[in-house]
Amino acid sequence: MGFFGLVFLVSLFFPHTYKIEKSTVVNRSIQQTYDYLNHIENWSDWSPWNTNVDSSMVFFYSKNKSGIGAAQYFRGGLIGNGSFRIIQSVPNEKITYRLSINEGAMAINQTFEFKMLGNHTQLTWVDEGDVGMNPLYRFMLPSKISATEQGFEEGLMVIKKAAERAGF
C-alpha cells in the first residue's frame, strides 16, 4: 500500500460532516436585527470580505436590496470576484445566504438565526456541511472549523456593533 492509500485509509477516521454555531445578543428588537441583516447593502458594514482585507474591493448590488434574491457582488485584486446572495429569508426567524467566490470555485451556504430575548435578539450564525470522501478535505476540516469559529466570533462582534448603531 502506497503513501496515498495510507492517507486515504487514515482519512476515513476523520469526520466528514460539520456544524459550527456561534451566537451573540444584539441590543435591538428581533424585527430591527432581522431588518438590518436582511438588507444586503448593510453587509459592507460588517462582512469580512471588505476593503479592510482588500483595499481594491469594489461593490455592486442587485436591483432587489432585501430578502430572497438580494445580492452583493464584489471584485478585488486580492480576493477576486464573488457574491453574497440571500437564498432564504423568513421574517424574524432566519436568513440563509450563499457566498460564491471566483465563479463558484468556492461556494458555501450559511444561515443567521434569530431568537427573541425580551427586547433583544439572540443572533446565531450557522455553517454546516459535508466534505465528502476527499481525504485532503477531511484532514483540513479541523482547521477549517477552528478558523470559521474564530471568524464567526469576530464577525458577530462587528455585526452587533453595526446593528446597534444603525438608525432604524
N, C-alpha and C. Protein backbone atom coordinates (compact mmCIF):
# COMPACT_ATOMS: atom_id res chain seq x y z
N MET A 1 0.86 -1.18 0.00
CA MET A 1 0.00 0.00 0.00
C MET A 1 0.90 1.23 0.00
N GLY A 2 0.65 2.13 -0.91
CA GLY A 2 1.45 3.33 -1.02
C GLY A 2 1.03 4.41 -0.04
N PHE A 3 1.77 5.49 -0.09
CA PHE A 3 1.51 6.64 0.79
C PHE A 3 0.08 7.16 0.64
N PHE A 4 -0.38 7.31 -0.59
CA PHE A 4 -1.72 7.86 -0.82
C PHE A 4 -2.81 6.91 -0.32
N GLY A 5 -2.56 5.62 -0.44
CA GLY A 5 -3.51 4.65 0.10
C GLY A 5 -3.60 4.76 1.62
N LEU A 6 -2.45 4.93 2.26
CA LEU A 6 -2.41 5.10 3.71
C LEU A 6 -3.13 6.38 4.12
N VAL A 7 -2.89 7.47 3.41
CA VAL A 7 -3.57 8.74 3.70
C VAL A 7 -5.08 8.56 3.57
N PHE A 8 -5.51 7.88 2.52
CA PHE A 8 -6.94 7.66 2.34
C PHE A 8 -7.52 6.84 3.48
N LEU A 9 -6.83 5.78 3.86
CA LEU A 9 -7.32 4.93 4.96
C LEU A 9 -7.43 5.71 6.27
N VAL A 10 -6.40 6.47 6.59
CA VAL A 10 -6.42 7.27 7.82
C VAL A 10 -7.54 8.31 7.75
N SER A 11 -7.76 8.89 6.58
CA SER A 11 -8.79 9.93 6.44
C SER A 11 -10.19 9.40 6.73
N LEU A 12 -10.39 8.10 6.59
CA LEU A 12 -11.70 7.52 6.87
C LEU A 12 -12.10 7.67 8.34
N PHE A 13 -11.12 7.88 9.20
CA PHE A 13 -11.39 8.06 10.63
C PHE A 13 -11.66 9.51 10.99
N PHE A 14 -11.46 10.42 10.06
CA PHE A 14 -11.75 11.83 10.28
C PHE A 14 -13.22 12.09 9.95
N PRO A 15 -13.83 13.05 10.62
CA PRO A 15 -15.24 13.35 10.31
C PRO A 15 -15.37 13.96 8.91
N HIS A 16 -16.53 13.78 8.32
CA HIS A 16 -16.77 14.38 7.02
C HIS A 16 -17.88 15.43 7.09
N THR A 17 -18.64 15.45 8.19
CA THR A 17 -19.67 16.47 8.36
C THR A 17 -19.27 17.41 9.48
N TYR A 18 -19.81 18.61 9.44
CA TYR A 18 -19.51 19.59 10.48
C TYR A 18 -20.71 20.51 10.67
N LYS A 19 -20.77 21.10 11.85
CA LYS A 19 -21.76 22.14 12.13
C LYS A 19 -21.11 23.11 13.11
N ILE A 20 -21.07 24.36 12.70
CA ILE A 20 -20.47 25.42 13.50
C ILE A 20 -21.58 26.41 13.83
N GLU A 21 -21.73 26.73 15.11
CA GLU A 21 -22.73 27.70 15.57
C GLU A 21 -22.09 28.63 16.58
N LYS A 22 -22.23 29.91 16.37
CA LYS A 22 -21.77 30.92 17.32
C LYS A 22 -22.90 31.94 17.47
N SER A 23 -23.07 32.45 18.70
CA SER A 23 -24.18 33.37 18.97
C SER A 23 -23.70 34.61 19.72
N THR A 24 -24.50 35.66 19.61
CA THR A 24 -24.33 36.87 20.40
C THR A 24 -25.72 37.44 20.66
N VAL A 25 -25.79 38.37 21.60
CA VAL A 25 -27.04 39.06 21.86
C VAL A 25 -26.91 40.49 21.33
N VAL A 26 -27.83 40.86 20.45
CA VAL A 26 -27.87 42.20 19.87
C VAL A 26 -28.90 43.01 20.64
N ASN A 27 -28.50 44.17 21.07
CA ASN A 27 -29.38 45.03 21.87
C ASN A 27 -30.33 45.82 20.97
N ARG A 28 -31.06 45.09 20.19
CA ARG A 28 -32.11 45.60 19.30
C ARG A 28 -33.22 44.56 19.28
N SER A 29 -34.40 44.98 18.90
CA SER A 29 -35.50 44.03 18.80
C SER A 29 -35.21 43.02 17.68
N ILE A 30 -35.92 41.92 17.72
CA ILE A 30 -35.73 40.90 16.69
C ILE A 30 -36.07 41.47 15.30
N GLN A 31 -37.11 42.30 15.23
CA GLN A 31 -37.50 42.90 13.95
C GLN A 31 -36.40 43.82 13.42
N GLN A 32 -35.82 44.64 14.29
CA GLN A 32 -34.76 45.56 13.86
C GLN A 32 -33.51 44.79 13.43
N THR A 33 -33.15 43.76 14.18
CA THR A 33 -31.96 42.98 13.84
C THR A 33 -32.17 42.24 12.52
N TYR A 34 -33.34 41.63 12.36
CA TYR A 34 -33.66 40.93 11.12
C TYR A 34 -33.65 41.92 9.94
N ASP A 35 -34.31 43.06 10.10
CA ASP A 35 -34.37 44.05 9.02
C ASP A 35 -32.97 44.52 8.62
N TYR A 36 -32.10 44.71 9.61
CA TYR A 36 -30.73 45.16 9.34
C TYR A 36 -29.99 44.13 8.49
N LEU A 37 -30.03 42.86 8.89
CA LEU A 37 -29.29 41.83 8.15
C LEU A 37 -29.97 41.43 6.84
N ASN A 38 -31.25 41.64 6.73
CA ASN A 38 -31.98 41.28 5.51
C ASN A 38 -31.75 42.29 4.38
N HIS A 39 -31.19 43.45 4.71
CA HIS A 39 -30.90 44.48 3.71
C HIS A 39 -29.44 44.33 3.27
N ILE A 40 -29.22 43.87 2.06
CA ILE A 40 -27.90 43.47 1.57
C ILE A 40 -26.89 44.62 1.55
N GLU A 41 -27.33 45.85 1.39
CA GLU A 41 -26.38 46.96 1.37
C GLU A 41 -25.73 47.17 2.75
N ASN A 42 -26.33 46.68 3.82
CA ASN A 42 -25.73 46.79 5.15
C ASN A 42 -24.56 45.82 5.33
N TRP A 43 -24.44 44.84 4.47
CA TRP A 43 -23.43 43.81 4.64
C TRP A 43 -22.01 44.37 4.54
N SER A 44 -21.82 45.45 3.81
CA SER A 44 -20.48 46.03 3.71
C SER A 44 -20.03 46.61 5.05
N ASP A 45 -20.98 46.86 5.98
CA ASP A 45 -20.64 47.36 7.33
C ASP A 45 -19.90 46.31 8.15
N TRP A 46 -20.21 45.04 7.93
CA TRP A 46 -19.68 44.01 8.82
C TRP A 46 -18.99 42.84 8.13
N SER A 47 -19.20 42.66 6.86
CA SER A 47 -18.66 41.50 6.16
C SER A 47 -17.12 41.46 6.22
N PRO A 48 -16.55 40.28 6.47
CA PRO A 48 -15.09 40.18 6.43
C PRO A 48 -14.52 40.36 5.01
N TRP A 49 -15.39 40.25 4.01
CA TRP A 49 -14.97 40.45 2.63
C TRP A 49 -15.16 41.92 2.29
N ASN A 50 -14.24 42.76 2.75
CA ASN A 50 -14.40 44.20 2.56
C ASN A 50 -13.06 44.87 2.26
N THR A 51 -13.06 46.18 2.23
CA THR A 51 -11.86 46.93 1.87
C THR A 51 -10.77 46.85 2.94
N ASN A 52 -11.09 46.40 4.16
CA ASN A 52 -10.04 46.19 5.16
C ASN A 52 -9.15 45.02 4.77
N VAL A 53 -9.69 44.04 4.07
CA VAL A 53 -8.94 42.87 3.62
C VAL A 53 -8.29 43.14 2.26
N ASP A 54 -9.01 43.83 1.40
CA ASP A 54 -8.55 44.10 0.03
C ASP A 54 -8.95 45.53 -0.32
N SER A 55 -8.00 46.44 -0.28
CA SER A 55 -8.30 47.86 -0.50
C SER A 55 -8.80 48.16 -1.90
N SER A 56 -8.64 47.22 -2.83
CA SER A 56 -9.12 47.45 -4.21
C SER A 56 -10.56 46.97 -4.41
N MET A 57 -11.21 46.49 -3.33
CA MET A 57 -12.57 45.95 -3.46
C MET A 57 -13.56 47.00 -3.97
N VAL A 58 -14.39 46.56 -4.88
CA VAL A 58 -15.49 47.37 -5.42
C VAL A 58 -16.76 46.54 -5.24
N PHE A 59 -17.86 47.20 -4.82
CA PHE A 59 -19.11 46.51 -4.57
C PHE A 59 -20.19 46.95 -5.55
N PHE A 60 -21.03 46.01 -5.93
CA PHE A 60 -22.21 46.26 -6.75
C PHE A 60 -23.37 45.53 -6.10
N TYR A 61 -24.58 46.00 -6.34
CA TYR A 61 -25.75 45.39 -5.69
C TYR A 61 -26.81 45.05 -6.73
N SER A 62 -27.57 44.02 -6.41
CA SER A 62 -28.70 43.65 -7.25
C SER A 62 -29.77 44.73 -7.14
N LYS A 63 -30.70 44.71 -8.08
CA LYS A 63 -31.82 45.65 -8.04
C LYS A 63 -32.64 45.45 -6.76
N ASN A 64 -32.85 44.21 -6.41
CA ASN A 64 -33.56 43.85 -5.18
C ASN A 64 -32.57 43.97 -4.01
N LYS A 65 -32.84 44.82 -3.04
CA LYS A 65 -31.89 45.10 -1.96
C LYS A 65 -32.16 44.32 -0.68
N SER A 66 -33.30 43.64 -0.58
CA SER A 66 -33.56 42.87 0.64
C SER A 66 -34.38 41.63 0.32
N GLY A 67 -34.22 40.63 1.19
CA GLY A 67 -34.97 39.39 1.02
C GLY A 67 -34.36 38.48 -0.03
N ILE A 68 -35.12 37.46 -0.38
CA ILE A 68 -34.66 36.45 -1.33
C ILE A 68 -34.25 37.11 -2.65
N GLY A 69 -33.05 36.75 -3.10
CA GLY A 69 -32.54 37.28 -4.36
C GLY A 69 -31.67 38.51 -4.22
N ALA A 70 -31.72 39.18 -3.06
CA ALA A 70 -30.85 40.35 -2.85
C ALA A 70 -29.40 39.88 -2.89
N ALA A 71 -28.55 40.62 -3.60
CA ALA A 71 -27.17 40.19 -3.76
C ALA A 71 -26.21 41.36 -3.70
N GLN A 72 -25.05 41.07 -3.13
CA GLN A 72 -23.92 41.99 -3.14
C GLN A 72 -22.82 41.29 -3.95
N TYR A 73 -22.34 41.96 -4.98
CA TYR A 73 -21.26 41.43 -5.79
C TYR A 73 -20.00 42.20 -5.44
N PHE A 74 -18.86 41.53 -5.43
CA PHE A 74 -17.62 42.23 -5.13
C PHE A 74 -16.53 41.77 -6.09
N ARG A 75 -15.57 42.68 -6.25
CA ARG A 75 -14.42 42.41 -7.11
C ARG A 75 -13.22 43.07 -6.47
N GLY A 76 -12.15 42.32 -6.34
CA GLY A 76 -10.93 42.87 -5.75
C GLY A 76 -9.70 42.17 -6.29
N GLY A 77 -8.59 42.86 -6.25
CA GLY A 77 -7.35 42.29 -6.75
C GLY A 77 -6.86 41.13 -5.92
N LEU A 78 -7.04 41.17 -4.62
CA LEU A 78 -6.59 40.10 -3.73
C LEU A 78 -7.63 39.01 -3.58
N ILE A 79 -8.88 39.39 -3.33
CA ILE A 79 -9.96 38.44 -3.05
C ILE A 79 -10.48 37.79 -4.33
N GLY A 80 -10.52 38.53 -5.41
CA GLY A 80 -11.11 38.02 -6.64
C GLY A 80 -12.55 38.49 -6.76
N ASN A 81 -13.33 37.77 -7.56
CA ASN A 81 -14.74 38.11 -7.79
C ASN A 81 -15.63 37.19 -6.96
N GLY A 82 -16.71 37.74 -6.45
CA GLY A 82 -17.62 36.91 -5.69
C GLY A 82 -18.93 37.59 -5.42
N SER A 83 -19.77 36.89 -4.65
CA SER A 83 -21.07 37.47 -4.31
C SER A 83 -21.62 36.82 -3.05
N PHE A 84 -22.48 37.59 -2.40
CA PHE A 84 -23.36 37.12 -1.35
C PHE A 84 -24.77 37.22 -1.91
N ARG A 85 -25.56 36.16 -1.81
CA ARG A 85 -26.94 36.19 -2.30
C ARG A 85 -27.84 35.57 -1.24
N ILE A 86 -28.87 36.31 -0.84
CA ILE A 86 -29.83 35.78 0.12
C ILE A 86 -30.70 34.76 -0.62
N ILE A 87 -30.71 33.52 -0.14
CA ILE A 87 -31.46 32.46 -0.81
C ILE A 87 -32.69 32.02 -0.01
N GLN A 88 -32.75 32.42 1.26
CA GLN A 88 -33.94 32.16 2.07
C GLN A 88 -34.05 33.26 3.11
N SER A 89 -35.25 33.78 3.28
CA SER A 89 -35.47 34.86 4.24
C SER A 89 -36.84 34.65 4.87
N VAL A 90 -36.82 34.24 6.15
CA VAL A 90 -38.05 34.01 6.90
C VAL A 90 -38.11 35.09 7.97
N PRO A 91 -39.04 36.04 7.86
CA PRO A 91 -39.07 37.19 8.77
C PRO A 91 -38.93 36.79 10.24
N ASN A 92 -37.94 37.44 10.88
CA ASN A 92 -37.67 37.30 12.31
C ASN A 92 -37.27 35.89 12.73
N GLU A 93 -36.96 35.02 11.78
CA GLU A 93 -36.54 33.65 12.10
C GLU A 93 -35.15 33.32 11.57
N LYS A 94 -34.96 33.49 10.24
CA LYS A 94 -33.66 33.14 9.67
C LYS A 94 -33.44 33.77 8.30
N ILE A 95 -32.17 33.91 7.98
CA ILE A 95 -31.72 34.36 6.67
C ILE A 95 -30.61 33.40 6.26
N THR A 96 -30.78 32.75 5.12
CA THR A 96 -29.74 31.88 4.58
C THR A 96 -29.17 32.56 3.34
N TYR A 97 -27.85 32.56 3.25
CA TYR A 97 -27.21 33.18 2.10
C TYR A 97 -26.17 32.25 1.52
N ARG A 98 -25.83 32.53 0.27
CA ARG A 98 -24.79 31.76 -0.43
C ARG A 98 -23.64 32.70 -0.74
N LEU A 99 -22.46 32.32 -0.29
CA LEU A 99 -21.24 33.03 -0.63
C LEU A 99 -20.57 32.25 -1.75
N SER A 100 -20.30 32.93 -2.85
CA SER A 100 -19.67 32.30 -4.01
C SER A 100 -18.46 33.14 -4.40
N ILE A 101 -17.33 32.50 -4.57
CA ILE A 101 -16.11 33.21 -4.94
C ILE A 101 -15.55 32.60 -6.22
N ASN A 102 -15.09 33.49 -7.08
CA ASN A 102 -14.47 33.10 -8.35
C ASN A 102 -15.33 32.08 -9.11
N GLU A 103 -16.54 32.56 -9.44
CA GLU A 103 -17.50 31.81 -10.25
C GLU A 103 -17.80 30.43 -9.68
N GLY A 104 -17.95 30.37 -8.37
CA GLY A 104 -18.35 29.12 -7.73
C GLY A 104 -17.21 28.19 -7.37
N ALA A 105 -15.95 28.61 -7.60
CA ALA A 105 -14.82 27.76 -7.21
C ALA A 105 -14.90 27.45 -5.72
N MET A 106 -15.37 28.42 -4.95
CA MET A 106 -15.68 28.19 -3.55
C MET A 106 -17.11 28.69 -3.35
N ALA A 107 -17.96 27.84 -2.83
CA ALA A 107 -19.35 28.24 -2.60
C ALA A 107 -19.84 27.58 -1.32
N ILE A 108 -20.42 28.38 -0.43
CA ILE A 108 -20.96 27.86 0.82
C ILE A 108 -22.28 28.54 1.14
N ASN A 109 -23.11 27.82 1.84
CA ASN A 109 -24.35 28.40 2.37
C ASN A 109 -24.19 28.53 3.88
N GLN A 110 -24.62 29.68 4.41
CA GLN A 110 -24.60 29.91 5.84
C GLN A 110 -25.91 30.56 6.24
N THR A 111 -26.24 30.47 7.53
CA THR A 111 -27.54 30.94 8.00
C THR A 111 -27.38 31.81 9.24
N PHE A 112 -28.18 32.86 9.30
CA PHE A 112 -28.38 33.64 10.52
C PHE A 112 -29.72 33.23 11.09
N GLU A 113 -29.73 32.87 12.37
CA GLU A 113 -30.97 32.52 13.05
C GLU A 113 -31.25 33.56 14.13
N PHE A 114 -32.52 33.94 14.28
CA PHE A 114 -32.93 34.99 15.20
C PHE A 114 -33.86 34.41 16.26
N LYS A 115 -33.61 34.77 17.52
CA LYS A 115 -34.46 34.33 18.61
C LYS A 115 -34.68 35.52 19.54
N MET A 116 -35.94 35.75 19.91
CA MET A 116 -36.28 36.88 20.76
C MET A 116 -35.86 36.60 22.20
N LEU A 117 -35.19 37.58 22.80
CA LEU A 117 -34.82 37.54 24.21
C LEU A 117 -35.29 38.85 24.83
N GLY A 118 -36.56 38.91 25.22
CA GLY A 118 -37.13 40.17 25.72
C GLY A 118 -37.13 41.20 24.61
N ASN A 119 -36.46 42.32 24.83
CA ASN A 119 -36.35 43.38 23.82
C ASN A 119 -35.07 43.25 23.00
N HIS A 120 -34.38 42.14 23.17
CA HIS A 120 -33.11 41.93 22.48
C HIS A 120 -33.23 40.71 21.55
N THR A 121 -32.15 40.47 20.81
CA THR A 121 -32.15 39.36 19.85
C THR A 121 -30.94 38.47 20.07
N GLN A 122 -31.18 37.18 20.18
CA GLN A 122 -30.07 36.24 20.12
C GLN A 122 -29.86 35.94 18.65
N LEU A 123 -28.68 36.30 18.15
CA LEU A 123 -28.32 36.08 16.76
C LEU A 123 -27.32 34.93 16.70
N THR A 124 -27.65 33.90 15.94
CA THR A 124 -26.78 32.73 15.81
C THR A 124 -26.37 32.60 14.34
N TRP A 125 -25.09 32.43 14.12
CA TRP A 125 -24.52 32.26 12.79
C TRP A 125 -24.18 30.79 12.64
N VAL A 126 -24.69 30.13 11.61
CA VAL A 126 -24.56 28.68 11.45
C VAL A 126 -23.92 28.35 10.09
N ASP A 127 -22.97 27.43 10.13
CA ASP A 127 -22.36 26.88 8.92
C ASP A 127 -22.32 25.38 9.13
N GLU A 128 -22.90 24.63 8.21
CA GLU A 128 -22.83 23.18 8.31
C GLU A 128 -22.69 22.59 6.91
N GLY A 129 -22.06 21.43 6.88
CA GLY A 129 -21.88 20.82 5.58
C GLY A 129 -21.23 19.46 5.67
N ASP A 130 -20.88 18.96 4.51
CA ASP A 130 -20.29 17.64 4.37
C ASP A 130 -19.16 17.77 3.35
N VAL A 131 -17.95 17.38 3.74
CA VAL A 131 -16.81 17.48 2.83
C VAL A 131 -16.62 16.21 2.00
N GLY A 132 -17.47 15.21 2.24
CA GLY A 132 -17.43 14.00 1.43
C GLY A 132 -16.25 13.10 1.74
N MET A 133 -15.84 12.35 0.78
CA MET A 133 -14.79 11.34 0.97
C MET A 133 -13.39 11.85 0.63
N ASN A 134 -13.27 13.06 0.14
CA ASN A 134 -11.96 13.59 -0.24
C ASN A 134 -11.04 13.60 0.98
N PRO A 135 -9.94 12.84 0.96
CA PRO A 135 -9.08 12.74 2.14
C PRO A 135 -8.44 14.08 2.53
N LEU A 136 -8.08 14.89 1.56
CA LEU A 136 -7.48 16.19 1.87
C LEU A 136 -8.48 17.08 2.61
N TYR A 137 -9.72 17.14 2.14
CA TYR A 137 -10.75 17.95 2.81
C TYR A 137 -11.01 17.44 4.22
N ARG A 138 -10.98 16.12 4.40
CA ARG A 138 -11.22 15.55 5.73
C ARG A 138 -10.08 15.90 6.68
N PHE A 139 -8.84 15.87 6.20
CA PHE A 139 -7.70 16.27 7.03
C PHE A 139 -7.76 17.75 7.37
N MET A 140 -8.23 18.56 6.44
CA MET A 140 -8.26 20.01 6.65
C MET A 140 -9.47 20.47 7.46
N LEU A 141 -10.46 19.61 7.66
CA LEU A 141 -11.70 20.01 8.33
C LEU A 141 -11.48 20.59 9.73
N PRO A 142 -10.65 20.00 10.59
CA PRO A 142 -10.46 20.62 11.92
C PRO A 142 -9.93 22.05 11.85
N SER A 143 -9.02 22.34 10.93
CA SER A 143 -8.51 23.72 10.81
C SER A 143 -9.56 24.64 10.21
N LYS A 144 -10.40 24.12 9.30
CA LYS A 144 -11.49 24.93 8.74
C LYS A 144 -12.48 25.28 9.84
N ILE A 145 -12.81 24.31 10.69
CA ILE A 145 -13.74 24.56 11.79
C ILE A 145 -13.18 25.61 12.73
N SER A 146 -11.93 25.47 13.11
CA SER A 146 -11.29 26.42 14.02
C SER A 146 -11.28 27.83 13.43
N ALA A 147 -10.90 27.95 12.17
CA ALA A 147 -10.85 29.27 11.52
C ALA A 147 -12.24 29.87 11.40
N THR A 148 -13.24 29.05 11.06
CA THR A 148 -14.61 29.55 10.92
C THR A 148 -15.15 29.99 12.27
N GLU A 149 -14.89 29.22 13.32
CA GLU A 149 -15.36 29.62 14.66
C GLU A 149 -14.78 30.97 15.06
N GLN A 150 -13.50 31.15 14.82
CA GLN A 150 -12.87 32.43 15.15
C GLN A 150 -13.46 33.55 14.30
N GLY A 151 -13.65 33.30 13.01
CA GLY A 151 -14.25 34.30 12.13
C GLY A 151 -15.66 34.66 12.55
N PHE A 152 -16.45 33.66 12.94
CA PHE A 152 -17.82 33.92 13.39
C PHE A 152 -17.83 34.77 14.66
N GLU A 153 -16.95 34.45 15.62
CA GLU A 153 -16.91 35.22 16.86
C GLU A 153 -16.56 36.67 16.58
N GLU A 154 -15.54 36.89 15.76
CA GLU A 154 -15.15 38.25 15.40
C GLU A 154 -16.25 38.94 14.59
N GLY A 155 -16.82 38.21 13.65
CA GLY A 155 -17.87 38.76 12.81
C GLY A 155 -19.11 39.14 13.59
N LEU A 156 -19.50 38.30 14.55
CA LEU A 156 -20.68 38.61 15.36
C LEU A 156 -20.47 39.87 16.20
N MET A 157 -19.25 40.10 16.68
CA MET A 157 -18.99 41.34 17.43
C MET A 157 -19.18 42.55 16.52
N VAL A 158 -18.70 42.43 15.28
CA VAL A 158 -18.84 43.54 14.33
C VAL A 158 -20.30 43.75 13.95
N ILE A 159 -21.03 42.65 13.70
CA ILE A 159 -22.46 42.75 13.37
C ILE A 159 -23.23 43.40 14.52
N LYS A 160 -22.95 42.96 15.74
CA LYS A 160 -23.62 43.50 16.93
C LYS A 160 -23.43 45.02 16.99
N LYS A 161 -22.18 45.47 16.88
CA LYS A 161 -21.90 46.91 16.94
C LYS A 161 -22.58 47.66 15.79
N ALA A 162 -22.49 47.12 14.59
CA ALA A 162 -23.08 47.79 13.43
C ALA A 162 -24.59 47.86 13.53
N ALA A 163 -25.24 46.74 13.94
CA ALA A 163 -26.70 46.71 14.06
C ALA A 163 -27.17 47.64 15.17
N GLU A 164 -26.42 47.71 16.27
CA GLU A 164 -26.84 48.54 17.39
C GLU A 164 -26.68 50.03 17.10
N ARG A 165 -25.75 50.40 16.24
CA ARG A 165 -25.58 51.84 15.93
C ARG A 165 -26.39 52.26 14.69
N ALA A 166 -26.92 51.29 13.95
CA ALA A 166 -27.69 51.60 12.73
C ALA A 166 -28.97 52.33 13.12
N GLY A 167 -29.31 53.33 12.34
CA GLY A 167 -30.57 54.05 12.55
C GLY A 167 -31.74 53.29 11.96
N PHE A 168 -32.79 53.18 12.72
CA PHE A 168 -33.97 52.45 12.22
C PHE A 168 -35.12 53.41 12.10
